[in-house]
């Protein structure tokens, strides 16, 4: 799960961003929910200061 989220963040963040991001996972997720989680992380990243 952590590896999937790390790869997802690498894909969506540019390397010019100098932010530390902490992701706390409270429960496991299933493969069928992956797209929903990916969209949620994408929306959170869009809200970060550039």
PDB file of N, CA and C in Angstrom:
ATOM      1  N   UNK A   1       0.821  -1.185   0.000  1.00  0.00           N
ATOM      2  CA  UNK A   1       0.000   0.000   0.000  1.00  0.00           C
ATOM      3  C   UNK A   1       0.869   1.254   0.000  1.00  0.00           C
ATOM      4  N   UNK A   2       1.882   1.291   0.850  1.00  0.00           N
ATOM      5  CA  UNK A   2       2.764   2.458   0.873  1.00  0.00           C
ATOM      6  C   UNK A   2       3.480   2.633  -0.451  1.00  0.00           C
ATOM      7  N   UNK A   3       3.906   1.539  -1.025  1.00  0.00           N
ATOM      8  CA  UNK A   3       4.618   1.611  -2.308  1.00  0.00           C
ATOM      9  C   UNK A   3       3.703   2.177  -3.395  1.00  0.00           C
ATOM     10  N   UNK A   4       2.467   1.730  -3.416  1.00  0.00           N
ATOM     11  CA  UNK A   4       1.516   2.246  -4.406  1.00  0.00           C
ATOM     12  C   UNK A   4       1.311   3.745  -4.243  1.00  0.00           C
ATOM     13  N   UNK A   5       1.132   4.186  -3.017  1.00  0.00           N
ATOM     14  CA  UNK A   5       0.928   5.612  -2.781  1.00  0.00           C
ATOM     15  C   UNK A   5       2.177   6.416  -3.115  1.00  0.00           C
ATOM     16  N   UNK A   6       3.345   5.886  -2.806  1.00  0.00           N
ATOM     17  CA  UNK A   6       4.596   6.576  -3.130  1.00  0.00           C
ATOM     18  C   UNK A   6       4.731   6.748  -4.632  1.00  0.00           C
ATOM     19  N   UNK A   7       4.451   5.696  -5.378  1.00  0.00           N
ATOM     20  CA  UNK A   7       4.541   5.773  -6.839  1.00  0.00           C
ATOM     21  C   UNK A   7       3.508   6.739  -7.401  1.00  0.00           C
ATOM     22  N   UNK A   8       2.331   6.746  -6.817  1.00  0.00           N
ATOM     23  CA  UNK A   8       1.282   7.655  -7.256  1.00  0.00           C
ATOM     24  C   UNK A   8       1.708   9.104  -7.038  1.00  0.00           C
ATOM     25  N   UNK A   9       2.311   9.389  -5.901  1.00  0.00           N
ATOM     26  CA  UNK A   9       2.767  10.746  -5.613  1.00  0.00           C
ATOM     27  C   UNK A   9       3.920  11.149  -6.526  1.00  0.00           C
ATOM     28  N   UNK A  10       4.835  10.234  -6.795  1.00  0.00           N
ATOM     29  CA  UNK A  10       5.946  10.523  -7.707  1.00  0.00           C
ATOM     30  C   UNK A  10       5.430  10.909  -9.085  1.00  0.00           C
ATOM     31  N   UNK A  11       4.403  10.187  -9.513  1.00  0.00           N
ATOM     32  CA  UNK A  11       3.849  10.415 -10.847  1.00  0.00           C
ATOM     33  C   UNK A  11       3.161  11.780 -10.932  1.00  0.00           C
ATOM     34  N   UNK A  12       2.533  12.221  -9.843  1.00  0.00           N
ATOM     35  CA  UNK A  12       1.723  13.427  -9.893  1.00  0.00           C
ATOM     36  C   UNK A  12       2.458  14.692  -9.460  1.00  0.00           C
ATOM     37  N   UNK A  13       3.553  14.551  -8.718  1.00  0.00           N
ATOM     38  CA  UNK A  13       4.299  15.724  -8.277  1.00  0.00           C
ATOM     39  C   UNK A  13       5.495  15.963  -9.189  1.00  0.00           C
ATOM     40  N   UNK A  14       5.778  17.216  -9.462  1.00  0.00           N
ATOM     41  CA  UNK A  14       6.973  17.514 -10.233  1.00  0.00           C
ATOM     42  C   UNK A  14       8.171  17.505  -9.285  1.00  0.00           C
ATOM     43  N   UNK A  15       9.338  17.294  -9.823  1.00  0.00           N
ATOM     44  CA  UNK A  15      10.538  17.237  -8.993  1.00  0.00           C
ATOM     45  C   UNK A  15      10.962  18.614  -8.506  1.00  0.00           C
ATOM     46  N   UNK A  16      10.397  19.661  -9.064  1.00  0.00           N
ATOM     47  CA  UNK A  16      10.755  21.011  -8.635  1.00  0.00           C
ATOM     48  C   UNK A  16      10.051  21.403  -7.337  1.00  0.00           C
ATOM     49  N   UNK A  17       9.100  20.604  -6.905  1.00  0.00           N
ATOM     50  CA  UNK A  17       8.367  20.894  -5.673  1.00  0.00           C
ATOM     51  C   UNK A  17       9.228  20.499  -4.486  1.00  0.00           C
ATOM     52  N   UNK A  18       9.431  21.444  -3.573  1.00  0.00           N
ATOM     53  CA  UNK A  18      10.250  21.142  -2.402  1.00  0.00           C
ATOM     54  C   UNK A  18       9.357  21.094  -1.158  1.00  0.00           C
ATOM     55  N   UNK A  19       8.551  20.062  -1.077  1.00  0.00           N
ATOM     56  CA  UNK A  19       7.662  19.867   0.052  1.00  0.00           C
ATOM     57  C   UNK A  19       7.877  18.478   0.642  1.00  0.00           C
ATOM     58  N   UNK A  20       7.719  18.375   1.941  1.00  0.00           N
ATOM     59  CA  UNK A  20       7.683  17.069   2.581  1.00  0.00           C
ATOM     60  C   UNK A  20       6.216  16.714   2.780  1.00  0.00           C
ATOM     61  N   UNK A  21       5.832  15.559   2.340  1.00  0.00           N
ATOM     62  CA  UNK A  21       4.443  15.122   2.452  1.00  0.00           C
ATOM     63  C   UNK A  21       4.404  13.869   3.307  1.00  0.00           C
ATOM     64  N   UNK A  22       3.548  13.898   4.320  1.00  0.00           N
ATOM     65  CA  UNK A  22       3.361  12.745   5.198  1.00  0.00           C
ATOM     66  C   UNK A  22       1.979  12.187   4.926  1.00  0.00           C
ATOM     67  N   UNK A  23       1.934  10.902   4.609  1.00  0.00           N
ATOM     68  CA  UNK A  23       0.659  10.238   4.353  1.00  0.00           C
ATOM     69  C   UNK A  23       0.456   9.214   5.456  1.00  0.00           C
ATOM     70  N   UNK A  24      -0.626   9.365   6.190  1.00  0.00           N
ATOM     71  CA  UNK A  24      -0.949   8.408   7.239  1.00  0.00           C
ATOM     72  C   UNK A  24      -2.118   7.566   6.764  1.00  0.00           C
ATOM     73  N   UNK A  25      -1.906   6.284   6.728  1.00  0.00           N
ATOM     74  CA  UNK A  25      -2.925   5.368   6.244  1.00  0.00           C
ATOM     75  C   UNK A  25      -3.637   4.758   7.449  1.00  0.00           C
ATOM     76  N   UNK A  26      -4.954   4.902   7.464  1.00  0.00           N
ATOM     77  CA  UNK A  26      -5.725   4.426   8.604  1.00  0.00           C
ATOM     78  C   UNK A  26      -6.330   3.053   8.388  1.00  0.00           C
ATOM     79  N   UNK A  27      -6.539   2.687   7.149  1.00  0.00           N
ATOM     80  CA  UNK A  27      -7.059   1.355   6.878  1.00  0.00           C
ATOM     81  C   UNK A  27      -6.617   0.909   5.496  1.00  0.00           C
ATOM     82  N   UNK A  28      -6.667  -0.376   5.268  1.00  0.00           N
ATOM     83  CA  UNK A  28      -6.245  -0.906   3.977  1.00  0.00           C
ATOM     84  C   UNK A  28      -7.274  -0.580   2.907  1.00  0.00           C
ATOM     85  N   UNK A  29      -6.838  -0.654   1.666  1.00  0.00           N
ATOM     86  CA  UNK A  29      -7.784  -0.464   0.568  1.00  0.00           C
ATOM     87  C   UNK A  29      -7.636  -1.608  -0.412  1.00  0.00           C
ATOM     88  N   UNK A  30      -8.657  -1.782  -1.187  1.00  0.00           N
ATOM     89  CA  UNK A  30      -8.693  -2.871  -2.150  1.00  0.00           C
ATOM     90  C   UNK A  30      -8.444  -2.332  -3.551  1.00  0.00           C
ATOM     91  N   UNK A  31      -8.047  -3.210  -4.427  1.00  0.00           N
ATOM     92  CA  UNK A  31      -7.713  -2.818  -5.798  1.00  0.00           C
ATOM     93  C   UNK A  31      -8.887  -2.113  -6.476  1.00  0.00           C
ATOM     94  N   UNK A  32     -10.112  -2.523  -6.178  1.00  0.00           N
ATOM     95  CA  UNK A  32     -11.278  -1.894  -6.816  1.00  0.00           C
ATOM     96  C   UNK A  32     -11.440  -0.430  -6.397  1.00  0.00           C
ATOM     97  N   UNK A  33     -10.860  -0.021  -5.263  1.00  0.00           N
ATOM     98  CA  UNK A  33     -10.941   1.359  -4.789  1.00  0.00           C
ATOM     99  C   UNK A  33      -9.753   2.209  -5.214  1.00  0.00           C
ATOM    100  N   UNK A  34      -8.805   1.629  -5.930  1.00  0.00           N
ATOM    101  CA  UNK A  34      -7.569   2.333  -6.270  1.00  0.00           C
ATOM    102  C   UNK A  34      -7.842   3.599  -7.075  1.00  0.00           C
ATOM    103  N   UNK A  35      -8.713   3.541  -8.049  1.00  0.00           N
ATOM    104  CA  UNK A  35      -8.993   4.714  -8.892  1.00  0.00           C
ATOM    105  C   UNK A  35      -9.572   5.859  -8.061  1.00  0.00           C
ATOM    106  N   UNK A  36     -10.445   5.539  -7.130  1.00  0.00           N
ATOM    107  CA  UNK A  36     -11.042   6.551  -6.261  1.00  0.00           C
ATOM    108  C   UNK A  36      -9.966   7.204  -5.381  1.00  0.00           C
ATOM    109  N   UNK A  37      -9.066   6.401  -4.852  1.00  0.00           N
ATOM    110  CA  UNK A  37      -7.982   6.919  -4.012  1.00  0.00           C
ATOM    111  C   UNK A  37      -7.035   7.771  -4.849  1.00  0.00           C
ATOM    112  N   UNK A  38      -6.750   7.342  -6.051  1.00  0.00           N
ATOM    113  CA  UNK A  38      -5.885   8.107  -6.944  1.00  0.00           C
ATOM    114  C   UNK A  38      -6.495   9.480  -7.242  1.00  0.00           C
ATOM    115  N   UNK A  39      -7.783   9.534  -7.479  1.00  0.00           N
ATOM    116  CA  UNK A  39      -8.461  10.810  -7.726  1.00  0.00           C
ATOM    117  C   UNK A  39      -8.425  11.707  -6.495  1.00  0.00           C
ATOM    118  N   UNK A  40      -8.619  11.116  -5.323  1.00  0.00           N
ATOM    119  CA  UNK A  40      -8.591  11.886  -4.087  1.00  0.00           C
ATOM    120  C   UNK A  40      -7.212  12.499  -3.851  1.00  0.00           C
ATOM    121  N   UNK A  41      -6.167  11.728  -4.066  1.00  0.00           N
ATOM    122  CA  UNK A  41      -4.806  12.248  -3.907  1.00  0.00           C
ATOM    123  C   UNK A  41      -4.530  13.324  -4.951  1.00  0.00           C
ATOM    124  N   UNK A  42      -4.983  13.134  -6.164  1.00  0.00           N
ATOM    125  CA  UNK A  42      -4.802  14.130  -7.218  1.00  0.00           C
ATOM    126  C   UNK A  42      -5.459  15.454  -6.802  1.00  0.00           C
ATOM    127  N   UNK A  43      -6.660  15.395  -6.256  1.00  0.00           N
ATOM    128  CA  UNK A  43      -7.359  16.605  -5.817  1.00  0.00           C
ATOM    129  C   UNK A  43      -6.641  17.264  -4.649  1.00  0.00           C
ATOM    130  N   UNK A  44      -6.075  16.474  -3.750  1.00  0.00           N
ATOM    131  CA  UNK A  44      -5.319  17.036  -2.632  1.00  0.00           C
ATOM    132  C   UNK A  44      -4.054  17.739  -3.130  1.00  0.00           C
ATOM    133  N   UNK A  45      -3.384  17.141  -4.102  1.00  0.00           N
ATOM    134  CA  UNK A  45      -2.163  17.723  -4.646  1.00  0.00           C
ATOM    135  C   UNK A  45      -2.468  19.035  -5.374  1.00  0.00           C
ATOM    136  N   UNK A  46      -3.603  19.095  -6.056  1.00  0.00           N
ATOM    137  CA  UNK A  46      -3.980  20.328  -6.749  1.00  0.00           C
ATOM    138  C   UNK A  46      -4.144  21.472  -5.758  1.00  0.00           C
ATOM    139  N   UNK A  47      -4.518  21.185  -4.527  1.00  0.00           N
ATOM    140  CA  UNK A  47      -4.719  22.215  -3.517  1.00  0.00           C
ATOM    141  C   UNK A  47      -3.444  22.678  -2.838  1.00  0.00           C
ATOM    142  N   UNK A  48      -2.306  22.032  -3.119  1.00  0.00           N
ATOM    143  CA  UNK A  48      -1.039  22.437  -2.510  1.00  0.00           C
ATOM    144  C   UNK A  48      -0.540  23.726  -3.126  1.00  0.00           C
ATOM    145  N   UNK A  49       0.178  24.521  -2.326  1.00  0.00           N
ATOM    146  CA  UNK A  49       0.766  25.740  -2.907  1.00  0.00           C
ATOM    147  C   UNK A  49       1.852  25.382  -3.913  1.00  0.00           C
ATOM    148  N   UNK A  50       1.924  26.160  -4.969  1.00  0.00           N
ATOM    149  CA  UNK A  50       2.926  25.845  -6.003  1.00  0.00           C
ATOM    150  C   UNK A  50       4.188  26.624  -5.862  1.00  0.00           C
TER     151      UNK A  50
END
